[in-house]
Amino acid sequence: MLQPYYTDNYITLYNADCRDVLPLLTETYFGWCDPPYNVGKDYGVWNDSLTDEEYLNFCINWIALFQKLCPENCVFTPRKYLLDYWTILGRQYKQIILTWTPEGAIRNGFVNQHSSLLTNAKPKQRTKDVWHNLQTPGLGWFFREQTYEHPGYTSEDVTNHVLTHLAHPHTPILDPFAGTSTTLKCAKDLNRRAVGIEINEKYCEIAATRLSQQVLPLWSQV
């Protein structure tokens, strides 16, 4: 039986490949994840330089398992594979655009100024499909969150927007690419249950430290 790397009243974190854990889960979740983008980043135990065919086969595999557990979900999609993700996820998915003001990286002659989420969730709070001025790594020098030296860090700001606007407050959260567990940290701060899966034990160690820190009651955060 698979043992959690970390667990408390709200959170369960597994140190494993998500493809091995997802078939063992039985609850219904809201899914939120920022998967590896296959752009050559150093994740330690994961090869982020697969061929396109290998990478898209991997995506087909994990997305099928993910969607089975998460009828409503949201995925932070790589620019390079946006259309592939949209095809795999399904045409019912809607795009949310994240914009930033500072100039981003130059790709194919264009200065990047946005990134994309794809979701099939009906908003639980009124929200637009363009989210301006959230903390994202695209802000460069203006990005103020601690990244914990994770090369694909996802911000708490974006995660909190996803969880509060798209996820039902009583549905547990599932993140199959937990990294340093931003999703789990945000869920816990919101008094929501969550399950995360992370293949790299180094990031699980960082996550356990983050998650074991005291969470202030919501009234004290106002």
Protein backbone atom coordinates (compact mmCIF):
# COMPACT_ATOMS: atom_id res chain seq x y z
CA MET A 1 0.00 0.00 0.00
CA LEU A 2 1.33 3.44 -0.95
CA GLN A 3 2.25 5.53 2.09
CA PRO A 4 1.95 9.34 2.10
CA TYR A 5 5.12 11.38 2.34
CA TYR A 6 3.23 13.98 4.37
CA THR A 7 -0.26 14.04 5.86
CA ASP A 8 -2.33 16.14 8.25
CA ASN A 9 -6.02 16.91 8.77
CA TYR A 10 -6.22 18.73 5.44
CA ILE A 11 -3.38 17.51 3.24
CA THR A 12 -1.97 14.29 1.78
CA LEU A 13 1.23 14.37 -0.27
CA TYR A 14 2.65 11.38 -2.13
CA ASN A 15 6.25 11.09 -3.37
CA ALA A 16 5.73 9.12 -6.59
CA ASP A 17 4.96 9.30 -10.29
CA CYS A 18 1.39 10.55 -10.67
CA ARG A 19 0.65 7.78 -13.15
CA ASP A 20 1.20 5.25 -10.36
CA VAL A 21 -0.91 7.07 -7.75
CA LEU A 22 -3.89 8.41 -9.71
CA PRO A 23 -5.35 4.91 -10.41
CA LEU A 24 -5.37 4.26 -6.64
CA LEU A 25 -7.44 7.32 -5.70
CA THR A 26 -11.20 6.96 -5.37
CA GLU A 27 -12.63 10.37 -4.36
CA THR A 28 -13.98 13.04 -6.68
CA TYR A 29 -11.74 16.12 -6.79
CA PHE A 30 -11.35 19.52 -8.36
CA GLY A 31 -8.12 19.23 -10.35
CA TRP A 32 -5.55 22.00 -10.66
CA CYS A 33 -2.06 21.51 -12.02
CA ASP A 34 0.92 23.06 -13.77
CA PRO A 35 2.54 20.09 -15.57
CA PRO A 36 6.10 19.93 -16.92
CA TYR A 37 6.32 21.79 -20.23
CA ASN A 38 9.02 19.69 -21.96
CA VAL A 39 11.28 22.70 -22.44
CA GLY A 40 14.48 21.29 -20.95
CA LYS A 41 14.15 22.46 -17.34
CA ASP A 42 16.08 20.57 -14.67
CA TYR A 43 13.54 18.79 -12.46
CA GLY A 44 16.11 16.35 -11.13
CA VAL A 45 14.37 13.00 -11.60
CA TRP A 46 12.17 13.92 -14.58
CA ASN A 47 13.31 14.17 -18.20
CA ASP A 48 11.96 17.50 -19.49
CA SER A 49 13.47 16.99 -22.96
CA LEU A 50 11.32 14.26 -24.46
CA THR A 51 10.49 14.08 -28.13
CA ASP A 52 7.17 15.68 -29.02
CA GLU A 53 5.65 12.24 -29.56
CA GLU A 54 6.88 10.95 -26.18
CA TYR A 55 5.69 14.06 -24.37
CA LEU A 56 2.21 14.09 -25.91
CA ASN A 57 1.77 10.36 -25.21
CA PHE A 58 2.67 11.13 -21.59
CA CYS A 59 0.06 13.92 -21.58
CA ILE A 60 -2.63 11.66 -23.03
CA ASN A 61 -1.88 9.14 -20.28
CA TRP A 62 -1.94 11.42 -17.24
CA ILE A 63 -4.82 13.58 -18.49
CA ALA A 64 -7.07 10.51 -18.91
CA LEU A 65 -6.39 9.50 -15.29
CA PHE A 66 -6.74 13.11 -14.09
CA GLN A 67 -10.08 13.75 -15.79
CA LYS A 68 -11.55 10.51 -14.44
CA LEU A 69 -10.99 11.76 -10.87
CA CYS A 70 -11.62 15.46 -11.55
CA PRO A 71 -14.84 16.16 -13.49
CA GLU A 72 -13.98 19.86 -13.13
CA ASN A 73 -10.38 20.91 -13.50
CA CYS A 74 -7.98 23.59 -14.65
CA VAL A 75 -4.59 23.16 -16.31
CA PHE A 76 -1.78 25.70 -16.68
CA THR A 77 -0.79 24.98 -20.27
CA PRO A 78 2.57 25.36 -22.02
CA ARG A 79 2.55 27.87 -24.86
CA LYS A 80 4.32 25.45 -27.20
CA TYR A 81 1.69 22.73 -26.76
CA LEU A 82 -1.45 24.83 -26.15
CA LEU A 83 -3.38 23.45 -29.14
CA ASP A 84 -2.29 19.90 -28.33
CA TYR A 85 -3.53 20.28 -24.75
CA TRP A 86 -6.81 21.77 -25.94
CA THR A 87 -7.30 18.80 -28.28
CA ILE A 88 -6.49 16.25 -25.56
CA LEU A 89 -8.57 17.96 -22.86
CA GLY A 90 -11.57 18.59 -25.11
CA ARG A 91 -13.30 21.39 -26.97
CA GLN A 92 -15.54 22.12 -23.95
CA TYR A 93 -12.56 23.71 -22.19
CA LYS A 94 -12.41 27.50 -21.99
CA GLN A 95 -9.27 29.63 -22.01
CA ILE A 96 -8.32 32.01 -19.21
CA ILE A 97 -5.54 34.42 -20.15
CA LEU A 98 -3.04 35.68 -17.58
CA THR A 99 -1.43 38.97 -18.58
CA TRP A 100 1.51 40.96 -17.26
CA THR A 101 2.86 44.43 -17.98
CA PRO A 102 6.68 43.99 -17.90
CA GLU A 103 8.22 42.64 -21.07
CA GLY A 104 8.63 38.87 -21.00
CA ALA A 105 10.88 36.52 -22.92
CA ILE A 106 11.14 36.91 -26.69
CA ARG A 107 9.91 33.84 -28.54
CA ASN A 108 9.74 33.65 -32.35
CA GLY A 109 10.15 37.42 -32.52
CA PHE A 110 7.24 38.21 -30.16
CA VAL A 111 7.63 39.61 -26.65
CA ASN A 112 5.62 37.36 -24.35
CA GLN A 113 2.88 39.17 -22.41
CA HIS A 114 0.48 36.39 -21.45
CA SER A 115 0.05 32.74 -20.53
CA SER A 116 -2.99 30.46 -20.63
CA LEU A 117 -5.12 28.27 -18.40
CA LEU A 118 -7.64 25.80 -19.81
CA THR A 119 -10.64 24.85 -17.69
CA ASN A 120 -13.97 23.08 -17.99
CA ALA A 121 -15.15 24.40 -14.61
CA LYS A 122 -18.11 26.72 -14.32
CA PRO A 123 -17.00 29.68 -12.16
CA LYS A 124 -18.19 29.52 -8.55
CA GLN A 125 -17.59 33.27 -8.20
CA ARG A 126 -18.04 35.87 -10.92
CA THR A 127 -14.80 36.15 -12.87
CA LYS A 128 -13.53 37.36 -16.23
CA ASP A 129 -11.63 35.21 -18.71
CA VAL A 130 -8.65 37.58 -18.62
CA TRP A 131 -6.83 37.87 -15.28
CA HIS A 132 -4.60 40.92 -15.08
CA ASN A 133 -1.66 41.68 -12.81
CA LEU A 134 -1.43 38.42 -10.87
CA GLN A 135 1.94 37.36 -9.56
CA THR A 136 3.47 35.11 -12.26
CA PRO A 137 7.10 34.32 -13.12
CA GLY A 138 6.52 36.26 -16.37
CA LEU A 139 6.85 39.42 -14.28
CA GLY A 140 10.59 38.77 -14.03
CA TRP A 141 12.20 41.17 -11.56
CA PHE A 142 8.73 42.24 -10.37
CA PHE A 143 7.79 38.71 -9.29
CA ARG A 144 7.74 38.82 -5.48
CA GLU A 145 6.95 35.27 -4.38
CA GLN A 146 9.47 32.78 -3.01
CA THR A 147 10.11 30.14 -5.69
CA TYR A 148 11.99 27.67 -3.45
CA GLU A 149 14.41 27.21 -6.40
CA HIS A 150 11.81 25.22 -8.30
CA PRO A 151 12.30 25.77 -12.07
CA GLY A 152 8.57 25.55 -12.80
CA TYR A 153 7.19 27.28 -9.71
CA THR A 154 3.48 28.16 -9.81
CA SER A 155 2.45 31.23 -7.84
CA GLU A 156 0.18 31.30 -4.81
CA ASP A 157 -1.58 34.28 -6.37
CA VAL A 158 -2.67 32.35 -9.48
CA THR A 159 -3.46 29.24 -7.43
CA ASN A 160 -5.66 31.17 -4.99
CA HIS A 161 -7.56 32.69 -7.92
CA VAL A 162 -8.16 29.26 -9.43
CA LEU A 163 -9.29 27.67 -6.16
CA THR A 164 -11.56 30.52 -5.04
CA HIS A 165 -13.17 31.22 -8.42
CA LEU A 166 -13.38 27.78 -10.05
CA ALA A 167 -13.45 25.10 -7.31
CA HIS A 168 -16.48 24.31 -5.16
CA PRO A 169 -15.48 25.07 -1.54
CA HIS A 170 -16.44 21.59 -0.32
CA THR A 171 -14.68 19.62 -3.07
CA PRO A 172 -11.15 18.40 -2.26
CA ILE A 173 -8.33 19.55 -4.55
CA LEU A 174 -6.00 17.29 -6.53
CA ASP A 175 -2.62 18.33 -7.96
CA PRO A 176 -0.69 15.53 -9.73
CA PHE A 177 2.42 17.74 -10.23
CA ALA A 178 2.69 19.25 -6.77
CA GLY A 179 6.26 20.58 -6.98
CA THR A 180 6.89 22.42 -3.72
CA SER A 181 3.15 22.14 -2.98
CA THR A 182 1.85 25.63 -3.64
CA THR A 183 -1.55 24.09 -4.39
CA LEU A 184 -1.60 22.18 -1.10
CA LYS A 185 -0.43 25.23 0.86
CA CYS A 186 -3.16 27.42 -0.65
CA ALA A 187 -5.82 24.76 -0.11
CA LYS A 188 -4.82 24.39 3.53
CA ASP A 189 -4.89 28.16 4.04
CA LEU A 190 -8.44 28.10 2.64
CA ASN A 191 -9.42 25.24 5.01
CA ARG A 192 -9.83 22.85 2.08
CA ARG A 193 -8.66 19.27 1.79
CA ALA A 194 -6.14 18.48 -0.94
CA VAL A 195 -4.05 15.65 -2.35
CA GLY A 196 -0.75 16.23 -4.11
CA ILE A 197 1.68 13.98 -5.96
CA GLU A 198 5.32 14.89 -6.56
CA ILE A 199 7.97 12.66 -8.12
CA ASN A 200 11.03 14.48 -6.73
CA GLU A 201 11.70 13.86 -3.03
CA LYS A 202 13.70 17.09 -2.73
CA TYR A 203 10.56 19.09 -3.49
CA CYS A 204 8.54 16.92 -1.11
CA GLU A 205 10.96 17.88 1.66
CA ILE A 206 10.40 21.57 0.93
CA ALA A 207 6.65 20.97 0.75
CA ALA A 208 6.56 19.24 4.12
CA THR A 209 8.24 22.28 5.69
CA ARG A 210 5.79 24.68 4.05
CA LEU A 211 2.78 22.59 5.02
CA SER A 212 3.82 22.06 8.62
CA GLN A 213 3.96 25.79 9.30
CA GLN A 214 1.08 27.20 11.29
CA VAL A 215 -1.91 28.34 9.25
CA LEU A 216 -3.58 31.50 10.54
CA PRO A 217 -7.38 31.47 10.86
CA LEU A 218 -9.03 33.17 7.89
CA TRP A 219 -10.39 35.99 10.03
CA SER A 220 -6.85 36.95 11.09
CA GLN A 221 -5.72 37.27 7.47
CA VAL A 222 -8.17 40.07 6.68
